[in-house]
N, C-alpha and C. Protein backbone atom coordinates (compact mmCIF):
# COMPACT_ATOMS: atom_id res chain seq x y z
N UNK A 1 17.31 -2.78 -13.02
CA UNK A 1 16.61 -3.45 -11.94
C UNK A 1 17.14 -2.96 -10.59
N UNK A 2 18.46 -2.87 -10.46
CA UNK A 2 19.06 -2.44 -9.20
C UNK A 2 18.73 -0.98 -8.90
N UNK A 3 18.61 -0.17 -9.95
CA UNK A 3 18.31 1.25 -9.75
C UNK A 3 16.93 1.46 -9.17
N UNK A 4 16.01 0.54 -9.41
CA UNK A 4 14.66 0.68 -8.89
C UNK A 4 14.50 -0.01 -7.53
N UNK A 5 15.27 -1.04 -7.29
CA UNK A 5 15.13 -1.82 -6.06
C UNK A 5 15.61 -1.07 -4.83
N UNK A 6 16.73 -0.40 -4.94
CA UNK A 6 17.30 0.29 -3.78
C UNK A 6 16.38 1.40 -3.24
N UNK A 7 15.84 2.29 -4.09
CA UNK A 7 14.92 3.29 -3.54
C UNK A 7 13.66 2.69 -2.92
N UNK A 8 13.14 1.62 -3.52
CA UNK A 8 11.96 0.98 -2.95
C UNK A 8 12.27 0.34 -1.61
N UNK A 9 13.45 -0.25 -1.47
CA UNK A 9 13.86 -0.85 -0.20
C UNK A 9 14.01 0.24 0.88
N UNK A 10 14.59 1.37 0.51
CA UNK A 10 14.75 2.47 1.47
C UNK A 10 13.40 3.02 1.91
N UNK A 11 12.45 3.12 0.97
CA UNK A 11 11.10 3.57 1.33
C UNK A 11 10.46 2.59 2.31
N UNK A 12 10.58 1.31 2.03
CA UNK A 12 10.00 0.27 2.88
C UNK A 12 10.59 0.32 4.29
N UNK A 13 11.92 0.39 4.39
CA UNK A 13 12.56 0.41 5.70
C UNK A 13 12.28 1.72 6.46
N UNK A 14 12.13 2.81 5.75
CA UNK A 14 11.78 4.08 6.40
C UNK A 14 10.38 4.01 6.99
N UNK A 15 9.46 3.40 6.28
CA UNK A 15 8.10 3.24 6.82
C UNK A 15 8.11 2.36 8.06
N UNK A 16 8.90 1.31 8.04
CA UNK A 16 9.02 0.45 9.23
C UNK A 16 9.60 1.23 10.40
N UNK A 17 10.62 2.05 10.15
CA UNK A 17 11.21 2.85 11.23
C UNK A 17 10.22 3.86 11.80
N UNK A 18 9.40 4.45 10.95
CA UNK A 18 8.38 5.39 11.44
C UNK A 18 7.40 4.66 12.36
N UNK A 19 6.94 3.50 11.93
CA UNK A 19 6.01 2.73 12.77
C UNK A 19 6.66 2.33 14.09
N UNK A 20 7.91 1.88 14.05
CA UNK A 20 8.59 1.50 15.28
C UNK A 20 8.80 2.69 16.20
N UNK A 21 9.05 3.86 15.64
CA UNK A 21 9.20 5.05 16.47
C UNK A 21 7.90 5.35 17.21
N UNK A 22 6.77 5.23 16.53
CA UNK A 22 5.49 5.49 17.19
C UNK A 22 5.18 4.43 18.24
N UNK A 23 5.50 3.18 17.95
CA UNK A 23 5.18 2.09 18.88
C UNK A 23 6.08 2.14 20.11
N UNK A 24 7.37 2.29 19.92
CA UNK A 24 8.33 2.20 21.03
C UNK A 24 8.46 3.48 21.84
N UNK A 25 8.11 4.61 21.26
CA UNK A 25 8.31 5.88 21.95
C UNK A 25 7.34 6.06 23.10
N UNK A 26 6.12 5.60 22.94
CA UNK A 26 5.15 5.75 24.02
C UNK A 26 4.57 7.15 24.08
N UNK A 27 4.57 7.74 25.27
CA UNK A 27 3.96 9.05 25.47
C UNK A 27 4.94 10.21 25.33
N UNK A 28 6.22 9.92 25.21
CA UNK A 28 7.23 10.97 25.13
C UNK A 28 7.40 11.44 23.69
N UNK A 29 6.74 12.51 23.32
CA UNK A 29 6.83 13.05 21.97
C UNK A 29 7.66 14.33 22.00
N UNK A 30 8.95 14.18 22.26
CA UNK A 30 9.83 15.33 22.36
C UNK A 30 10.39 15.71 20.98
N UNK A 31 11.31 16.64 20.97
CA UNK A 31 11.88 17.14 19.72
C UNK A 31 12.64 16.04 18.96
N UNK A 32 13.35 15.20 19.67
CA UNK A 32 14.10 14.12 19.03
C UNK A 32 13.19 13.16 18.28
N UNK A 33 12.02 12.90 18.85
CA UNK A 33 11.05 12.02 18.20
C UNK A 33 10.60 12.62 16.87
N UNK A 34 10.26 13.90 16.88
CA UNK A 34 9.78 14.54 15.65
C UNK A 34 10.89 14.71 14.62
N UNK A 35 12.13 14.86 15.07
CA UNK A 35 13.25 14.93 14.13
C UNK A 35 13.47 13.59 13.44
N UNK A 36 13.33 12.49 14.18
CA UNK A 36 13.48 11.16 13.57
C UNK A 36 12.37 10.91 12.56
N UNK A 37 11.15 11.29 12.91
CA UNK A 37 10.02 11.10 11.99
C UNK A 37 10.21 11.95 10.74
N UNK A 38 10.59 13.21 10.92
CA UNK A 38 10.75 14.10 9.76
C UNK A 38 11.90 13.65 8.87
N UNK A 39 12.98 13.12 9.43
CA UNK A 39 14.07 12.64 8.58
C UNK A 39 13.64 11.41 7.78
N UNK A 40 12.84 10.55 8.36
CA UNK A 40 12.34 9.39 7.62
C UNK A 40 11.40 9.83 6.50
N UNK A 41 10.56 10.80 6.79
CA UNK A 41 9.63 11.30 5.76
C UNK A 41 10.40 11.97 4.62
N UNK A 42 11.43 12.74 4.95
CA UNK A 42 12.23 13.38 3.91
C UNK A 42 12.99 12.35 3.08
N UNK A 43 13.44 11.27 3.70
CA UNK A 43 14.09 10.19 2.95
C UNK A 43 13.11 9.54 1.99
N UNK A 44 11.89 9.31 2.43
CA UNK A 44 10.87 8.73 1.56
C UNK A 44 10.58 9.66 0.39
N UNK A 45 10.45 10.95 0.65
CA UNK A 45 10.20 11.90 -0.43
C UNK A 45 11.35 11.94 -1.43
N UNK A 46 12.58 11.89 -0.93
CA UNK A 46 13.74 11.89 -1.82
C UNK A 46 13.76 10.65 -2.71
N UNK A 47 13.41 9.51 -2.16
CA UNK A 47 13.39 8.29 -2.96
C UNK A 47 12.26 8.30 -3.98
N UNK A 48 11.13 8.89 -3.63
CA UNK A 48 10.03 9.02 -4.59
C UNK A 48 10.42 9.93 -5.75
N UNK A 49 11.12 11.02 -5.45
CA UNK A 49 11.60 11.92 -6.50
C UNK A 49 12.62 11.20 -7.38
N UNK A 50 13.49 10.40 -6.76
CA UNK A 50 14.47 9.63 -7.52
C UNK A 50 13.79 8.65 -8.46
N UNK A 51 12.80 7.93 -7.96
CA UNK A 51 12.07 6.98 -8.80
C UNK A 51 11.36 7.69 -9.94
N UNK A 52 10.77 8.84 -9.65
CA UNK A 52 10.07 9.61 -10.68
C UNK A 52 11.05 10.10 -11.74
N UNK A 53 12.22 10.53 -11.33
CA UNK A 53 13.24 11.00 -12.27
C UNK A 53 13.75 9.86 -13.15
N UNK A 54 13.94 8.69 -12.57
CA UNK A 54 14.39 7.54 -13.35
C UNK A 54 13.33 7.11 -14.35
N UNK A 55 12.08 7.18 -13.94
CA UNK A 55 10.97 6.81 -14.82
C UNK A 55 10.86 7.77 -16.00
N UNK A 56 11.08 9.06 -15.71
CA UNK A 56 11.01 10.08 -16.74
C UNK A 56 12.17 9.95 -17.73
N UNK A 57 13.33 9.52 -17.25
CA UNK A 57 14.51 9.38 -18.08
C UNK A 57 14.33 8.28 -19.12
N UNK A 58 13.63 7.24 -18.75
CA UNK A 58 13.43 6.11 -19.68
C UNK A 58 12.35 6.43 -20.62
């Protein structure tokens, strides 16, 4: 149960951070903004791969 909950929680919080970045950033879409977005997306992809690997293992 814990193995599945943590990746799902990280995906959820990463999505919230992406939305907050778009809302709070405003018109300034500089390099730092895109780096934060890309790191959140990569974290989501890593957690999806982890969930897929755990599902395959069982």
